[in-house]
Structure formats: C-alpha cells, structure tokens
Amino acid sequence: FHRIIFFISLQDIKYLSINNKIILKYLRLNFIYLCLMLEVISFILILFGLLGAFLPAIPGPALSFSGVLILSYIPGFHDIDTDCLIYLGLVAGLITFLDYWLQIYSVQFFGGGRKSTIGVIIGIILGFILFPPFGIIIGPFFGAYIGALYESDFNQFRALKIASGALVGFLCGTILKLSYSIYSLWLLVSYFLW
C-alpha cells in the first residue's frame, strides 16, 4: 500500500482530479506520521527494555522484543523476517525464565539446600511485592541467607556464601538481559543508519 501512495509517478498525477490529488497528499502525510509514531514507540520500548536489564521490576527482554516487533512493521525495515522474529521472541521468553531460574540454581550450586531454595523463591516474591524495584535483588539474597542459616545450624559464613550465590545468579541474569537489549538497540540503530 505504501508503494502505491509514494510511487505514483508525476505523469499519473496530472490525470488525477483535484479531489484525488488532495486525498493522495493527505494519505502521504498520514503515512509519514504513522511511520514516525511507530519509530518513536519502538525507540521508547527498546529504551525501557534496556533499563529493564538493570531494574528487575521492568521486564527488559519482553519490552525490547515488543520494540523490535513494532519496528518490523515499518515499511523499509527489511533486516528481520518472520523466522527471525519468532526466534527473538523465543529467546526473550527463555531469558526471562533464566533470569529467575539462575538465582535458584546458583544458590544450589553454592551449597544451598531445600530451605535456601525456598528462601530464594519467597525472597523473590516478597522483594517484588514489598520493595520494588530493588527488592528483587535484596529479597533473594536475604531469603537465601535466612534459609541457609536454618540449614547450617546458624553458621553465618556458610549462609553468607550461599546467599552470595543469589547475587551471582542475579548478575548472570542481568548480563543475559543486557545483551538481548543491546542487540535490540543495535537493530534500531541499524534501521536509522542504513
């Protein structure tokens, strides 16, 4: 449709009536505004996705994918086909899942047991509800620490080691989210450069 609006040749325009010329000018102007609006919305979503890599309360990969999805509907953006969009959506979902799973796994890797794992899960939930956005960082740490204290007969050094696993998992999840958001930002920048 956009090719019809923009690429009516000058020879064809002279055969159009005055009303059709006005309609054509109106369609061209609205189309330009629509593309500009989609570009701005895509930029805002990708920017919030980049912020979501650092702030745990914002779903970074999902917002970045939404920005790329909107960007793919702009005429002239041919960098991403449908298969690539499906893969990017699957990767965004996988990164979102891994972001929470890595905190639990890293606590177990650092020596935490069942009580520490339950503490991490409770810490994620309570931290998200009570102290957003930083509660997702602090909550799992304290949840793992309290759970590890009960597991290790109140050995504070071992409990601190296990709780540091929650921070390692958080940092690994942040690196994953940041890399996905940077790739989405690169797609947006490459659209404007090329």
Protein backbone atom coordinates (compact mmCIF):
# COMPACT_ATOMS: atom_id res chain seq x y z
CA PHE A 1 0.00 0.00 0.00
CA HIS A 2 2.82 2.42 0.83
CA ARG A 3 4.31 1.88 -2.62
CA ILE A 4 1.04 2.96 -4.18
CA ILE A 5 0.94 6.14 -2.10
CA PHE A 6 4.55 7.19 -2.62
CA PHE A 7 5.36 5.97 -6.09
CA ILE A 8 2.57 7.35 -8.20
CA SER A 9 4.54 8.94 -10.98
CA LEU A 10 4.26 12.57 -11.98
CA GLN A 11 2.67 11.56 -15.28
CA ASP A 12 -0.12 9.79 -13.38
CA ILE A 13 -0.73 12.73 -11.04
CA LYS A 14 -1.65 15.07 -13.88
CA TYR A 15 -4.52 12.72 -14.79
CA LEU A 16 -5.93 12.75 -11.26
CA SER A 17 -8.70 15.11 -10.34
CA ILE A 18 -8.22 17.84 -7.76
CA ASN A 19 -10.02 15.78 -5.10
CA ASN A 20 -7.82 12.75 -5.74
CA LYS A 21 -4.69 14.90 -5.51
CA ILE A 22 -5.85 16.20 -2.12
CA ILE A 23 -6.61 12.66 -0.93
CA LEU A 24 -3.20 11.47 -2.15
CA LYS A 25 -1.42 14.30 -0.31
CA TYR A 26 -3.45 13.52 2.84
CA LEU A 27 -2.58 9.80 2.64
CA ARG A 28 1.12 10.54 2.18
CA LEU A 29 1.14 12.86 5.18
CA ASN A 30 -0.73 10.40 7.42
CA PHE A 31 1.56 7.59 6.33
CA ILE A 32 4.64 9.60 7.27
CA TYR A 33 3.13 10.42 10.68
CA LEU A 34 2.25 6.76 11.22
CA CYS A 35 5.81 5.64 10.46
CA LEU A 36 7.22 8.34 12.72
CA MET A 37 4.87 7.32 15.53
CA LEU A 38 5.89 3.65 15.16
CA GLU A 39 9.57 4.63 15.26
CA VAL A 40 9.09 6.66 18.45
CA ILE A 41 7.10 3.89 20.16
CA SER A 42 9.71 1.33 19.15
CA PHE A 43 12.51 3.55 20.48
CA ILE A 44 10.72 4.05 23.81
CA LEU A 45 10.07 0.32 24.24
CA ILE A 46 13.66 -0.62 23.44
CA LEU A 47 14.93 2.09 25.80
CA PHE A 48 12.74 0.77 28.62
CA GLY A 49 13.93 -2.73 27.74
CA LEU A 50 17.50 -1.55 28.20
CA LEU A 51 16.56 -0.05 31.57
CA GLY A 52 14.84 -3.34 32.42
CA ALA A 53 18.18 -5.10 32.15
CA PHE A 54 19.25 -3.25 35.30
CA LEU A 55 15.95 -2.66 37.09
CA PRO A 56 14.44 -6.02 37.99
CA ALA A 57 10.83 -4.82 38.13
CA ILE A 58 10.80 -3.95 34.41
CA PRO A 59 10.61 -6.94 32.02
CA GLY A 60 13.52 -5.92 29.80
CA PRO A 61 13.59 -8.65 27.14
CA ALA A 62 9.82 -8.53 26.64
CA LEU A 63 9.84 -4.76 26.14
CA SER A 64 12.83 -4.94 23.81
CA PHE A 65 11.13 -7.64 21.76
CA SER A 66 7.95 -5.55 21.59
CA GLY A 67 10.00 -2.65 20.25
CA VAL A 68 11.64 -4.84 17.60
CA LEU A 69 8.25 -6.29 16.68
CA ILE A 70 6.80 -2.82 16.14
CA LEU A 71 9.93 -1.82 14.24
CA SER A 72 9.45 -4.76 11.87
CA TYR A 73 6.10 -3.35 10.75
CA ILE A 74 7.63 -0.13 9.49
CA PRO A 75 7.96 -0.14 5.69
CA GLY A 76 11.58 -0.07 4.64
CA PHE A 77 12.82 -2.12 7.59
CA HIS A 78 13.95 -5.34 5.95
CA ASP A 79 16.55 -6.59 8.42
CA ILE A 80 14.24 -9.03 10.19
CA ASP A 81 12.00 -11.63 8.62
CA THR A 82 9.25 -13.65 10.30
CA ASP A 83 11.52 -16.53 11.30
CA CYS A 84 13.94 -14.16 13.00
CA LEU A 85 11.05 -12.51 14.88
CA ILE A 86 9.92 -15.92 16.13
CA TYR A 87 13.45 -16.74 17.30
CA LEU A 88 13.80 -13.35 19.00
CA GLY A 89 10.50 -13.91 20.82
CA LEU A 90 11.57 -17.36 21.97
CA VAL A 91 14.91 -16.04 23.17
CA ALA A 92 13.17 -13.22 25.07
CA GLY A 93 10.95 -15.76 26.82
CA LEU A 94 13.92 -18.01 27.58
CA ILE A 95 15.95 -15.13 29.03
CA THR A 96 13.03 -14.09 31.21
CA PHE A 97 12.75 -17.65 32.54
CA LEU A 98 16.53 -17.97 33.03
CA ASP A 99 16.66 -14.69 34.91
CA TYR A 100 14.69 -16.21 37.79
CA TRP A 101 15.96 -19.77 37.43
CA LEU A 102 19.63 -18.74 37.60
CA GLN A 103 19.13 -17.27 41.07
CA ILE A 104 17.71 -20.54 42.34
CA TYR A 105 20.31 -22.68 40.56
CA SER A 106 23.26 -20.60 41.73
CA VAL A 107 22.12 -20.88 45.36
CA GLN A 108 22.09 -24.66 44.97
CA PHE A 109 25.47 -24.54 43.21
CA PHE A 110 26.98 -22.60 46.13
CA GLY A 111 25.85 -25.28 48.56
CA GLY A 112 22.31 -24.32 49.41
CA GLY A 113 19.70 -26.96 50.04
CA ARG A 114 15.95 -27.08 50.08
CA LYS A 115 15.46 -24.38 52.73
CA SER A 116 17.79 -21.98 50.92
CA THR A 117 15.97 -22.57 47.64
CA ILE A 118 12.60 -21.97 49.27
CA GLY A 119 14.09 -18.84 50.86
CA VAL A 120 15.14 -17.56 47.44
CA ILE A 121 11.67 -18.15 45.99
CA ILE A 122 9.98 -16.44 48.93
CA GLY A 123 12.56 -13.64 48.74
CA ILE A 124 11.85 -13.06 45.04
CA ILE A 125 8.11 -12.87 45.67
CA LEU A 126 8.27 -10.71 48.79
CA GLY A 127 11.00 -8.50 47.40
CA PHE A 128 8.97 -7.88 44.27
CA ILE A 129 5.82 -7.06 46.25
CA LEU A 130 7.25 -5.14 49.21
CA PHE A 131 10.32 -3.32 47.89
CA PRO A 132 10.12 -2.85 44.12
CA PRO A 133 12.33 -2.49 42.10
CA PHE A 134 15.35 -3.29 44.26
CA GLY A 135 13.55 -5.95 46.30
CA ILE A 136 14.24 -8.49 43.58
CA ILE A 137 17.96 -8.06 44.31
CA ILE A 138 17.74 -7.84 48.09
CA GLY A 139 14.87 -10.31 48.61
CA PRO A 140 16.55 -13.43 47.19
CA PHE A 141 19.76 -12.60 48.99
CA PHE A 142 18.07 -12.35 52.39
CA GLY A 143 15.78 -15.28 51.64
CA ALA A 144 18.75 -17.48 50.80
CA TYR A 145 20.63 -16.16 53.82
CA ILE A 146 17.80 -16.95 56.25
CA GLY A 147 17.21 -20.36 54.66
CA ALA A 148 20.92 -21.15 54.79
CA LEU A 149 21.09 -20.10 58.43
CA TYR A 150 18.47 -22.71 59.28
CA GLU A 151 20.24 -25.34 57.15
CA SER A 152 23.71 -24.76 58.51
CA ASP A 153 22.81 -24.51 62.21
CA PHE A 154 23.32 -20.73 62.16
CA ASN A 155 26.78 -20.82 60.55
CA GLN A 156 26.91 -17.25 59.26
CA PHE A 157 29.92 -17.71 56.99
CA ARG A 158 28.32 -20.64 55.12
CA ALA A 159 24.99 -18.81 54.98
CA LEU A 160 26.69 -15.74 53.50
CA LYS A 161 28.42 -17.94 50.90
CA ILE A 162 25.12 -19.49 49.88
CA ALA A 163 23.37 -16.12 49.80
CA SER A 164 26.11 -14.74 47.57
CA GLY A 165 25.00 -17.39 45.07
CA ALA A 166 21.74 -15.49 44.74
CA LEU A 167 23.71 -12.38 43.77
CA VAL A 168 25.78 -14.34 41.26
CA GLY A 169 22.56 -15.64 39.70
CA PHE A 170 21.16 -12.12 39.57
CA LEU A 171 24.31 -10.81 37.86
CA CYS A 172 24.22 -13.64 35.30
CA GLY A 173 20.57 -12.86 34.55
CA THR A 174 21.39 -9.16 34.22
CA ILE A 175 24.16 -9.94 31.72
CA LEU A 176 21.74 -12.02 29.64
CA LYS A 177 19.07 -9.32 29.69
CA LEU A 178 21.60 -6.61 28.88
CA SER A 179 23.00 -8.50 25.89
CA TYR A 180 19.49 -9.04 24.47
CA SER A 181 18.57 -5.39 24.98
CA ILE A 182 21.79 -4.19 23.35
CA TYR A 183 21.08 -6.38 20.33
CA SER A 184 17.57 -4.90 20.09
CA LEU A 185 19.05 -1.41 20.34
CA TRP A 186 21.51 -2.32 17.57
CA LEU A 187 18.61 -3.33 15.33
CA LEU A 188 17.01 0.07 15.94
CA VAL A 189 20.24 1.97 15.31
CA SER A 190 20.94 -0.05 12.15
CA TYR A 191 17.46 0.88 10.88
CA PHE A 192 18.31 4.58 11.13
CA LEU A 193 21.85 4.24 9.79
CA TRP A 194 21.10 2.13 6.73
